[in-house]
């Protein structure tokens, strides 16, 4: 019989990426989700006994739910892990954390341990394997929830040190170390470049709805690529033993090719929205600016992305701007640039020195000239 892979979360990433990778590599895949549909075979989250049995039998499992959903699934997942330990104490379970959650293993370990019996050997029995999810899946049509449109990219980067069992030798699964370097590559090259495409693209072509369309403008394309290259230089300094210039440049050019895929139908609105999160001190733009500032490297091109984001008012297909973004930009309206940058980045929520924010804000005055 084929080995069993249990996938908790049958959303865009769970079905179009994680489930697909393991199915193509000879696994029998069972999904667990909160939605009900009579057209597929899966387990509903309310089927507690069946879920516990599936996880007890699984060779490996994945979880693709957002950070905010984890507190809701942790009690049931912990129960299933404890059930497996009772019946198969000599068979640890590896769980691929298939969402881009910062410090995902620490976060999920804390949640699970609070629902497991006192003294449960969580660290030795459960491998919490962080992953870097780079597959792009645009907004789907609600009328056909089982049909997914996604790019063909299927490289699943996972933390080599997170496994408790032998790592499967299979296509598209790429164990790496140190994982933090690849999480930073995802955030500060992929996510930064995607955001730059939306913000620069909107400035140049406010009436063009697709990311692929705005990247057809050589000026926008060049600005985006040079921004990604500048971020690459910082990563090469931070991780000289992990990345090479040639490999990262190939990665950037591959990303730009993927961003320009019209078939995805990825919109400038979707990629650029949620400004409060994307402009935070620990996210794709300000996060790498802080790193560059600390080590004395240039970040002017990245800074232009941040400034462009502060003018981002794109609308969805119904002509509506995200209300949360409207409210966020309203908060910034009457602030001078130093206060605006510190407020927009949520600096007060960080433990970073205030002097650093002032220094960065003053540098923005030069960039904006």
Protein backbone atom coordinates (compact mmCIF):
# COMPACT_ATOMS: atom_id res chain seq x y z
CA UNK A 1 0.00 0.00 0.00
CA UNK A 2 1.14 3.56 -0.71
CA UNK A 3 2.43 5.55 2.27
CA UNK A 4 -0.14 7.98 3.68
CA UNK A 5 0.32 11.74 3.67
CA UNK A 6 -2.22 13.68 5.73
CA UNK A 7 -2.70 17.30 4.68
CA UNK A 8 -4.50 19.54 7.17
CA UNK A 9 -5.82 22.49 5.20
CA UNK A 10 -7.28 22.00 1.72
CA UNK A 11 -7.01 25.58 0.56
CA UNK A 12 -4.97 27.03 -2.27
CA UNK A 13 -1.54 25.90 -1.05
CA UNK A 14 -2.73 22.65 0.50
CA UNK A 15 -4.30 21.38 -2.71
CA UNK A 16 -2.37 23.06 -5.52
CA UNK A 17 1.05 22.58 -3.96
CA UNK A 18 1.59 20.32 -0.93
CA UNK A 19 -0.98 17.65 -1.78
CA UNK A 20 0.11 17.69 -5.40
CA UNK A 21 3.81 17.25 -4.58
CA UNK A 22 3.21 14.22 -2.35
CA UNK A 23 0.60 12.67 -4.63
CA UNK A 24 3.01 12.84 -7.56
CA UNK A 25 5.65 11.15 -5.42
CA UNK A 26 3.55 8.08 -4.73
CA UNK A 27 1.76 9.03 -1.52
CA UNK A 28 -1.91 8.49 -0.78
CA UNK A 29 -3.14 11.93 0.26
CA UNK A 30 -5.98 12.59 2.71
CA UNK A 31 -7.13 16.18 3.28
CA UNK A 32 -8.59 17.63 6.46
CA UNK A 33 -10.58 20.85 6.20
CA UNK A 34 -13.41 22.85 7.71
CA UNK A 35 -15.34 23.25 4.45
CA UNK A 36 -17.86 20.64 3.37
CA UNK A 37 -18.08 19.33 -0.19
CA UNK A 38 -19.67 16.14 -1.42
CA UNK A 39 -17.59 15.96 -4.61
CA UNK A 40 -14.35 14.83 -2.98
CA UNK A 41 -13.05 12.33 -0.46
CA UNK A 42 -11.67 14.05 2.63
CA UNK A 43 -12.12 14.36 6.38
CA UNK A 44 -14.07 17.17 8.02
CA UNK A 45 -12.50 18.68 11.11
CA UNK A 46 -15.44 17.41 13.16
CA UNK A 47 -14.52 13.78 12.36
CA UNK A 48 -12.20 13.63 15.36
CA UNK A 49 -11.86 9.85 15.61
CA UNK A 50 -11.19 9.42 11.89
CA UNK A 51 -8.62 12.23 11.95
CA UNK A 52 -6.81 10.68 14.91
CA UNK A 53 -6.66 7.33 13.11
CA UNK A 54 -5.40 8.92 9.89
CA UNK A 55 -2.62 10.78 11.71
CA UNK A 56 -1.73 7.61 13.61
CA UNK A 57 -1.27 5.82 10.28
CA UNK A 58 0.45 8.65 8.38
CA UNK A 59 4.03 8.41 7.17
CA UNK A 60 4.18 12.20 7.09
CA UNK A 61 1.80 15.14 7.30
CA UNK A 62 1.53 18.79 6.39
CA UNK A 63 -0.42 21.73 7.78
CA UNK A 64 -1.41 24.62 5.53
CA UNK A 65 -3.42 27.00 7.68
CA UNK A 66 -2.65 30.58 8.55
CA UNK A 67 -1.11 31.66 11.83
CA UNK A 68 -4.45 32.93 13.12
CA UNK A 69 -6.09 29.53 12.50
CA UNK A 70 -3.50 27.53 14.43
CA UNK A 71 -5.01 28.11 17.91
CA UNK A 72 -8.22 26.57 16.56
CA UNK A 73 -6.64 23.37 15.25
CA UNK A 74 -3.97 22.88 17.93
CA UNK A 75 -6.18 21.06 20.49
CA UNK A 76 -7.40 18.50 17.95
CA UNK A 77 -3.98 18.01 16.38
CA UNK A 78 -2.43 17.55 19.83
CA UNK A 79 -5.08 14.94 20.66
CA UNK A 80 -4.27 13.07 17.43
CA UNK A 81 -0.53 13.20 18.16
CA UNK A 82 -1.10 11.82 21.67
CA UNK A 83 -3.29 9.05 20.21
CA UNK A 84 -0.53 8.13 17.74
CA UNK A 85 2.04 8.06 20.53
CA UNK A 86 -0.12 5.62 22.50
CA UNK A 87 -0.44 3.22 19.58
CA UNK A 88 2.94 3.82 17.86
CA UNK A 89 5.39 5.22 20.44
CA UNK A 90 8.40 4.24 18.33
CA UNK A 91 7.19 6.03 15.19
CA UNK A 92 7.68 9.82 15.42
CA UNK A 93 5.63 12.01 13.07
CA UNK A 94 7.07 14.81 10.94
CA UNK A 95 4.75 17.74 10.22
CA UNK A 96 5.61 20.12 7.39
CA UNK A 97 4.51 23.63 8.39
CA UNK A 98 3.42 24.67 4.92
CA UNK A 99 2.81 28.35 5.60
CA UNK A 100 5.27 31.21 5.78
CA UNK A 101 5.08 31.70 9.56
CA UNK A 102 7.98 33.49 11.22
CA UNK A 103 9.58 31.14 13.77
CA UNK A 104 6.89 28.63 12.84
CA UNK A 105 8.37 25.68 14.73
CA UNK A 106 8.60 27.62 18.00
CA UNK A 107 5.12 29.06 17.55
CA UNK A 108 3.44 25.72 16.82
CA UNK A 109 5.43 23.86 19.48
CA UNK A 110 4.17 26.28 22.11
CA UNK A 111 0.57 25.82 20.99
CA UNK A 112 0.74 22.03 20.83
CA UNK A 113 2.54 21.60 24.15
CA UNK A 114 -0.25 23.43 25.97
CA UNK A 115 -2.70 20.73 24.82
CA UNK A 116 -0.49 17.65 25.32
CA UNK A 117 -0.12 15.63 28.53
CA UNK A 118 2.47 16.89 30.99
CA UNK A 119 5.87 15.44 30.15
CA UNK A 120 4.90 14.48 26.58
CA UNK A 121 8.09 14.09 24.48
CA UNK A 122 7.08 16.66 21.88
CA UNK A 123 10.61 17.57 20.74
CA UNK A 124 11.66 13.98 20.13
CA UNK A 125 8.34 12.59 18.85
CA UNK A 126 7.17 15.41 16.55
CA UNK A 127 9.30 17.01 13.86
CA UNK A 128 7.97 20.51 13.22
CA UNK A 129 9.47 21.20 9.80
CA UNK A 130 9.43 24.81 8.69
CA UNK A 131 8.92 25.43 4.97
CA UNK A 132 9.40 28.31 2.57
CA UNK A 133 6.32 28.52 0.36
CA UNK A 134 7.05 30.24 -2.93
CA UNK A 135 4.24 28.95 -5.14
CA UNK A 136 1.95 31.71 -6.40
CA UNK A 137 -1.78 31.06 -6.33
CA UNK A 138 -3.98 34.04 -7.29
CA UNK A 139 -7.51 34.74 -6.08
CA UNK A 140 -9.83 31.94 -7.23
CA UNK A 141 -13.39 32.05 -8.52
CA UNK A 142 -15.85 31.30 -5.72
CA UNK A 143 -18.24 29.65 -8.19
CA UNK A 144 -15.85 26.70 -8.70
CA UNK A 145 -14.18 26.12 -5.32
CA UNK A 146 -12.65 22.77 -6.29
CA UNK A 147 -10.94 24.18 -9.39
CA UNK A 148 -7.61 25.86 -8.67
CA UNK A 149 -5.48 27.98 -10.98
CA UNK A 150 -1.83 28.08 -9.96
CA UNK A 151 1.61 28.34 -11.50
CA UNK A 152 3.54 25.11 -12.27
CA UNK A 153 6.34 25.94 -9.79
CA UNK A 154 6.52 23.16 -7.17
CA UNK A 155 9.81 23.56 -5.28
CA UNK A 156 9.10 22.81 -1.61
CA UNK A 157 11.96 24.12 0.53
CA UNK A 158 12.02 22.59 4.02
CA UNK A 159 14.23 22.76 7.09
CA UNK A 160 16.59 19.80 7.02
CA UNK A 161 17.03 19.99 10.80
CA UNK A 162 13.31 19.83 11.55
CA UNK A 163 12.82 16.14 10.69
CA UNK A 164 12.77 13.37 13.28
CA UNK A 165 12.59 10.58 10.67
CA UNK A 166 14.66 9.93 7.56
CA UNK A 167 13.99 12.73 5.09
CA UNK A 168 12.09 11.41 2.05
CA UNK A 169 14.16 11.38 -1.13
CA UNK A 170 11.62 12.72 -3.59
CA UNK A 171 11.19 15.15 -6.44
CA UNK A 172 10.43 18.78 -5.54
CA UNK A 173 11.29 18.35 -1.84
CA UNK A 174 14.44 20.35 -1.08
CA UNK A 175 15.83 20.13 2.47
CA UNK A 176 18.11 23.08 3.30
CA UNK A 177 20.08 24.60 6.15
CA UNK A 178 20.17 27.13 7.65
CA UNK A 179 16.46 27.59 7.12
CA UNK A 180 16.51 31.24 8.14
CA UNK A 181 18.57 32.11 5.07
CA UNK A 182 15.89 30.70 2.78
CA UNK A 183 13.08 32.33 4.75
CA UNK A 184 14.90 35.64 4.27
CA UNK A 185 15.38 34.91 0.56
CA UNK A 186 11.64 34.35 0.25
CA UNK A 187 10.72 37.52 2.14
CA UNK A 188 13.40 39.90 0.92
CA UNK A 189 13.70 38.84 -2.72
CA UNK A 190 10.46 37.08 -3.71
CA UNK A 191 7.97 39.05 -1.58
CA UNK A 192 9.88 42.30 -1.99
CA UNK A 193 10.04 41.90 -5.76
CA UNK A 194 6.37 41.02 -5.99
CA UNK A 195 5.42 44.07 -3.92
CA UNK A 196 7.73 46.30 -5.96
CA UNK A 197 6.00 45.11 -9.13
CA UNK A 198 2.64 46.18 -7.71
CA UNK A 199 3.72 49.53 -6.25
CA UNK A 200 5.96 50.68 -9.10
CA UNK A 201 3.49 49.28 -11.61
CA UNK A 202 0.57 51.15 -10.06
CA UNK A 203 2.50 54.43 -10.08
CA UNK A 204 3.32 54.04 -13.77
CA UNK A 205 0.08 52.42 -14.95
CA UNK A 206 -2.79 52.97 -12.47
CA UNK A 207 -5.33 51.63 -14.96
CA UNK A 208 -3.57 48.32 -15.65
CA UNK A 209 -5.06 45.58 -13.43
CA UNK A 210 -2.48 42.78 -13.86
CA UNK A 211 1.04 42.46 -12.50
CA UNK A 212 2.04 40.83 -15.78
CA UNK A 213 0.81 43.89 -17.69
CA UNK A 214 2.78 46.46 -15.70
CA UNK A 215 5.94 44.36 -15.96
CA UNK A 216 5.72 44.59 -19.75
CA UNK A 217 6.85 48.20 -19.33
CA UNK A 218 10.68 47.99 -19.51
CA UNK A 219 11.02 50.88 -17.03
CA UNK A 220 8.93 49.13 -14.39
CA UNK A 221 10.67 45.81 -15.03
CA UNK A 222 14.10 47.42 -14.68
CA UNK A 223 13.17 49.24 -11.45
CA UNK A 224 11.86 46.01 -9.95
CA UNK A 225 14.89 43.96 -10.97
CA UNK A 226 17.38 46.53 -9.67
CA UNK A 227 15.50 46.63 -6.37
CA UNK A 228 15.70 42.85 -6.05
CA UNK A 229 19.41 42.96 -6.91
CA UNK A 230 20.01 45.54 -4.16
CA UNK A 231 18.29 43.28 -1.64
CA UNK A 232 20.33 40.37 -2.99
CA UNK A 233 23.53 42.24 -2.13
CA UNK A 234 22.43 42.47 1.51
CA UNK A 235 21.61 38.76 1.64
CA UNK A 236 25.00 37.88 0.15
CA UNK A 237 26.61 39.84 2.96
CA UNK A 238 24.45 38.19 5.63
CA UNK A 239 24.80 34.64 4.27
CA UNK A 240 28.14 34.40 2.41
CA UNK A 241 28.39 30.64 2.94
CA UNK A 242 24.84 29.88 1.79
CA UNK A 243 24.18 31.83 -1.40
CA UNK A 244 26.22 32.72 -4.47
CA UNK A 245 25.68 35.76 -6.64
CA UNK A 246 25.06 33.58 -9.70
CA UNK A 247 22.44 31.46 -7.94
CA UNK A 248 20.56 34.45 -6.55
CA UNK A 249 20.60 36.26 -9.89
CA UNK A 250 19.15 33.15 -11.55
CA UNK A 251 16.52 33.05 -8.80
CA UNK A 252 15.62 36.70 -9.42
CA UNK A 253 15.29 36.23 -13.18
CA UNK A 254 13.17 33.13 -12.66
CA UNK A 255 10.90 35.07 -10.28
CA UNK A 256 10.47 37.90 -12.76
CA UNK A 257 9.53 35.40 -15.44
CA UNK A 258 6.93 33.94 -13.07
CA UNK A 259 5.61 37.36 -12.04
CA UNK A 260 5.07 38.09 -15.74
CA UNK A 261 2.89 35.03 -16.30
CA UNK A 262 -0.38 36.45 -17.65
CA UNK A 263 -2.12 33.10 -17.31
CA UNK A 264 -2.05 33.50 -13.53
CA UNK A 265 -4.21 36.59 -13.76
CA UNK A 266 -2.52 37.97 -10.65
CA UNK A 267 -3.69 41.52 -9.96
CA UNK A 268 -1.82 44.61 -8.83
CA UNK A 269 -4.55 45.06 -6.21
CA UNK A 270 -4.06 41.61 -4.68
CA UNK A 271 -0.28 41.80 -4.63
CA UNK A 272 -0.12 45.32 -3.20
CA UNK A 273 -3.00 45.36 -0.72
CA UNK A 274 -2.72 45.00 3.08
CA UNK A 275 -0.35 47.91 3.51
CA UNK A 276 -0.24 47.87 7.30
CA UNK A 277 1.26 44.37 7.24
CA UNK A 278 3.53 44.81 4.23
CA UNK A 279 5.06 48.06 5.51
CA UNK A 280 5.82 46.74 9.01
CA UNK A 281 9.33 46.78 10.45
CA UNK A 282 9.59 42.99 10.13
CA UNK A 283 8.14 42.53 6.66
CA UNK A 284 9.38 42.51 3.07
CA UNK A 285 10.46 46.14 2.62
CA UNK A 286 11.35 47.71 5.95
CA UNK A 287 12.81 44.43 7.20
CA UNK A 288 15.60 44.45 4.63
CA UNK A 289 16.04 48.24 4.92
CA UNK A 290 16.81 47.75 8.61
CA UNK A 291 19.30 44.98 7.83
CA UNK A 292 21.02 47.11 5.19
CA UNK A 293 21.16 50.17 7.44
CA UNK A 294 22.74 48.19 10.27
CA UNK A 295 25.58 46.91 8.11
CA UNK A 296 26.06 50.14 6.17
CA UNK A 297 24.80 48.93 2.78
CA UNK A 298 22.74 50.84 0.22
CA UNK A 299 18.94 50.55 0.33
CA UNK A 300 17.81 53.55 -1.74
CA UNK A 301 16.06 51.45 -4.40
CA UNK A 302 14.25 49.46 -1.73
CA UNK A 303 13.31 52.75 -0.07
CA UNK A 304 11.60 53.87 -3.28
CA UNK A 305 9.37 50.78 -3.03
CA UNK A 306 8.33 51.87 0.47
CA UNK A 307 7.53 55.40 -0.71
CA UNK A 308 5.56 54.06 -3.67
CA UNK A 309 3.53 51.88 -1.31
CA UNK A 310 2.50 54.97 0.65
CA UNK A 311 0.71 56.16 -2.52
CA UNK A 312 -0.91 52.81 -3.33
CA UNK A 313 -4.68 53.20 -3.79
CA UNK A 314 -5.43 50.44 -6.30
CA UNK A 315 -8.96 49.03 -6.48
CA UNK A 316 -10.33 45.54 -6.98
CA UNK A 317 -12.34 44.46 -10.02
CA UNK A 318 -15.42 46.14 -8.51
CA UNK A 319 -13.59 49.44 -8.21
CA UNK A 320 -13.27 49.23 -4.43
CA UNK A 321 -10.13 49.92 -2.46
CA UNK A 322 -9.43 47.75 0.57
CA UNK A 323 -11.11 49.56 3.47
CA UNK A 324 -8.29 48.69 5.86
CA UNK A 325 -5.79 50.29 3.48
CA UNK A 326 -7.92 53.43 3.20
CA UNK A 327 -7.99 53.71 6.99
CA UNK A 328 -4.24 53.07 7.21
CA UNK A 329 -3.38 55.80 4.69
CA UNK A 330 -5.77 58.16 6.48
CA UNK A 331 -3.72 57.72 9.67
CA UNK A 332 -0.63 58.92 7.80
CA UNK A 333 -2.16 61.95 6.07
CA UNK A 334 -1.03 64.74 8.37
CA UNK A 335 2.24 63.25 9.56
CA UNK A 336 5.65 64.57 8.57
CA UNK A 337 7.93 62.01 6.98
CA UNK A 338 9.87 60.89 10.10
CA UNK A 339 6.66 60.32 12.06
CA UNK A 340 5.00 58.81 8.99
CA UNK A 341 7.74 56.22 8.45
CA UNK A 342 7.87 55.23 12.11
CA UNK A 343 4.08 54.99 12.33
CA UNK A 344 3.66 53.13 9.03
CA UNK A 345 6.29 50.57 10.04
CA UNK A 346 4.68 49.89 13.42
CA UNK A 347 7.99 50.72 15.08
CA UNK A 348 6.39 51.07 18.51
CA UNK A 349 5.53 47.35 18.39
CA UNK A 350 9.19 46.42 17.95
CA UNK A 351 12.08 46.31 20.39
CA UNK A 352 14.25 48.22 17.91
CA UNK A 353 15.93 51.46 19.06
CA UNK A 354 14.02 54.62 18.24
CA UNK A 355 17.24 56.23 17.02
CA UNK A 356 17.39 53.69 14.21
CA UNK A 357 13.94 54.72 12.99
CA UNK A 358 14.95 58.38 13.05
CA UNK A 359 18.11 57.62 11.08
CA UNK A 360 16.18 55.64 8.47
CA UNK A 361 13.47 58.31 8.27
CA UNK A 362 16.06 61.03 7.66
CA UNK A 363 17.57 58.94 4.87
CA UNK A 364 14.12 58.78 3.25
CA UNK A 365 14.23 62.58 2.91
CA UNK A 366 17.27 62.22 0.65
CA UNK A 367 15.73 59.34 -1.30
CA UNK A 368 12.53 61.28 -1.94
CA UNK A 369 14.35 64.24 -3.52
